[in-house]
C-alpha atoms as a PDB file:
ATOM      1  CA  MET A   1      98.770  65.916 114.969  1.00  0.00           C
ATOM      2  CA  LYS A   2      95.630  64.961 113.081  1.00  0.00           C
ATOM      3  CA  ARG A   3      96.019  67.990 110.844  1.00  0.00           C
ATOM      4  CA  SER A   4      99.555  66.959 109.901  1.00  0.00           C
ATOM      5  CA  VAL A   5      98.530  63.362 109.145  1.00  0.00           C
ATOM      6  CA  LYS A   6      95.617  64.610 107.025  1.00  0.00           C
ATOM      7  CA  LEU A   7      97.890  66.964 105.033  1.00  0.00           C
ATOM      8  CA  TYR A   8     100.446  64.187 104.494  1.00  0.00           C
ATOM      9  CA  GLY A   9      97.730  61.766 103.392  1.00  0.00           C
ATOM     10  CA  GLU A  10      96.005  64.205 101.007  1.00  0.00           C
ATOM     11  CA  LYS A  11      98.966  65.959  99.396  1.00  0.00           C
ATOM     12  CA  GLY A  12     101.866  63.565  99.889  1.00  0.00           C
ATOM     13  CA  PRO A  13     105.372  64.085 101.223  1.00  0.00           C
ATOM     14  CA  GLU A  14     106.358  66.780  98.658  1.00  0.00           C
ATOM     15  CA  ASP A  15     103.719  69.215  99.865  1.00  0.00           C
ATOM     16  CA  PHE A  16     104.023  68.179 103.508  1.00  0.00           C
ATOM     17  CA  PHE A  17     107.708  69.115 103.671  1.00  0.00           C
ATOM     18  CA  GLU A  18     107.364  72.190 101.452  1.00  0.00           C
ATOM     19  CA  ARG A  19     108.495  75.460 102.991  1.00  0.00           C
ATOM     20  CA  PRO A  20     105.629  77.727 104.036  1.00  0.00           C
ATOM     21  CA  LYS A  21     104.977  80.641 101.722  1.00  0.00           C
ATOM     22  CA  ARG A  22     106.148  83.947 103.187  1.00  0.00           C
ATOM     23  CA  ARG A  23     105.356  87.447 102.104  1.00  0.00           C
ATOM     24  CA  GLY A  24     108.071  89.687 100.733  1.00  0.00           C
ATOM     25  CA  PRO A  25     109.063  93.291 101.477  1.00  0.00           C
ATOM     26  CA  ALA A  26     106.546  94.972  99.198  1.00  0.00           C
ATOM     27  CA  VAL A  27     105.908  98.201 101.094  1.00  0.00           C
ATOM     28  CA  LEU A  28     109.350  99.781 101.245  1.00  0.00           C
ATOM     29  CA  ALA A  29     110.718  99.153  97.779  1.00  0.00           C
ATOM     30  CA  PRO A  30     113.844 101.119  96.769  1.00  0.00           C
ATOM     31  CA  PRO A  31     111.921 103.946  95.006  1.00  0.00           C
ATOM     32  CA  VAL A  32     109.715 104.425  98.082  1.00  0.00           C
ATOM     33  CA  ILE A  33     112.738 104.415 100.405  1.00  0.00           C
ATOM     34  CA  GLN A  34     114.361 107.094  98.267  1.00  0.00           C
ATOM     35  CA  GLU A  35     111.207 109.233  98.352  1.00  0.00           C
ATOM     36  CA  VAL A  36     110.850 108.860 102.133  1.00  0.00           C
ATOM     37  CA  GLN A  37     114.530 109.719 102.592  1.00  0.00           C
ATOM     38  CA  GLU A  38     114.005 112.974 100.645  1.00  0.00           C
ATOM     39  CA  PHE A  39     111.108 113.876 102.961  1.00  0.00           C
ATOM     40  CA  LEU A  40     113.271 113.129 106.015  1.00  0.00           C
ATOM     41  CA  ALA A  41     116.046 115.334 104.612  1.00  0.00           C
ATOM     42  CA  ASN A  42     113.512 118.178 104.399  1.00  0.00           C
ATOM     43  CA  ASP A  43     112.648 117.813 108.126  1.00  0.00           C
ATOM     44  CA  HIS A  44     109.245 116.164 107.694  1.00  0.00           C
ATOM     45  CA  SER A  45     108.052 113.998 110.577  1.00  0.00           C
ATOM     46  CA  LEU A  46     107.268 110.293 110.215  1.00  0.00           C
ATOM     47  CA  PRO A  47     103.488 110.800 110.695  1.00  0.00           C
ATOM     48  CA  GLU A  48     103.461 113.493 107.983  1.00  0.00           C
ATOM     49  CA  ILE A  49     105.337 111.233 105.570  1.00  0.00           C
ATOM     50  CA  GLY A  50     103.069 108.309 106.368  1.00  0.00           C
ATOM     51  CA  LEU A  51      99.939 110.320 105.644  1.00  0.00           C
ATOM     52  CA  GLN A  52     101.336 111.749 102.439  1.00  0.00           C
ATOM     53  CA  LEU A  53     102.590 108.434 101.017  1.00  0.00           C
ATOM     54  CA  GLY A  54      99.967 106.116 102.504  1.00  0.00           C
ATOM     55  CA  LEU A  55     102.423 104.241 104.731  1.00  0.00           C
ATOM     56  CA  LYS A  56     102.038 103.178 108.339  1.00  0.00           C
ATOM     57  CA  VAL A  57     104.091 105.197 110.803  1.00  0.00           C
ATOM     58  CA  ASP A  58     105.224 101.981 112.487  1.00  0.00           C
ATOM     59  CA  THR A  59     106.645 100.719 109.179  1.00  0.00           C
ATOM     60  CA  LEU A  60     108.667 103.918 108.822  1.00  0.00           C
ATOM     61  CA  ARG A  61     109.803 103.808 112.449  1.00  0.00           C
ATOM     62  CA  LYS A  62     111.021 100.215 112.059  1.00  0.00           C
ATOM     63  CA  ALA A  63     112.904 101.152 108.882  1.00  0.00           C
ATOM     64  CA  VAL A  64     114.645 103.989 110.739  1.00  0.00           C
ATOM     65  CA  SER A  65     115.555 101.765 113.684  1.00  0.00           C
ATOM     66  CA  SER A  66     116.887  99.007 111.400  1.00  0.00           C
ATOM     67  CA  GLY A  67     119.027 101.496 109.452  1.00  0.00           C
ATOM     68  CA  ARG A  68     117.193 101.354 106.107  1.00  0.00           C
ATOM     69  CA  LEU A  69     116.183 105.012 106.559  1.00  0.00           C
ATOM     70  CA  HIS A  70     118.289 107.737 108.170  1.00  0.00           C
ATOM     71  CA  LYS A  71     116.922 110.695 110.078  1.00  0.00           C
ATOM     72  CA  PRO A  72     119.160 113.763 109.756  1.00  0.00           C
ATOM     73  CA  LYS A  73     120.855 114.907 112.936  1.00  0.00           C
ATOM     74  CA  LYS A  74     119.425 118.050 114.493  1.00  0.00           C
ATOM     75  CA  ASN A  75     121.602 121.152 114.611  1.00  0.00           C
ATOM     76  CA  LEU A  76     122.757 121.920 118.114  1.00  0.00           C
ATOM     77  CA  ALA A  77     123.287 125.401 119.489  1.00  0.00           C
ATOM     78  CA  THR A  78     124.635 126.584 122.793  1.00  0.00           C
ATOM     79  CA  HIS A  79     122.420 128.490 125.180  1.00  0.00           C
ATOM     80  CA  ASN A  80     123.923 129.771 128.429  1.00  0.00           C
ATOM     81  CA  GLY A  81     126.763 127.298 128.153  1.00  0.00           C
ATOM     82  CA  ARG A  82     124.483 124.334 127.476  1.00  0.00           C
ATOM     83  CA  THR A  83     123.973 122.480 124.235  1.00  0.00           C
ATOM     84  CA  CYS A  84     120.323 122.667 123.178  1.00  0.00           C
ATOM     85  CA  PRO A  85     118.454 121.587 120.010  1.00  0.00           C
ATOM     86  CA  GLN A  86     117.240 124.503 117.932  1.00  0.00           C
END
């Protein structure tokens, strides 16, 4: 409470009610997404891509799970009547 009163007293109501500054999506810009998508199309793994482009694997994983990046589906083959990845 004291911190809020101090901020209001020092900077006034305009700064007190100002929205907090947030960071933007700087890591996965459209050119980077396109480059990562090309690597995924060539069957590179997320750790390999991260090392090569200097990106965190977790950032790439979150982009895949949110739908911004698409992993290609693996080809399936049958083996003794069962469907198995190649």
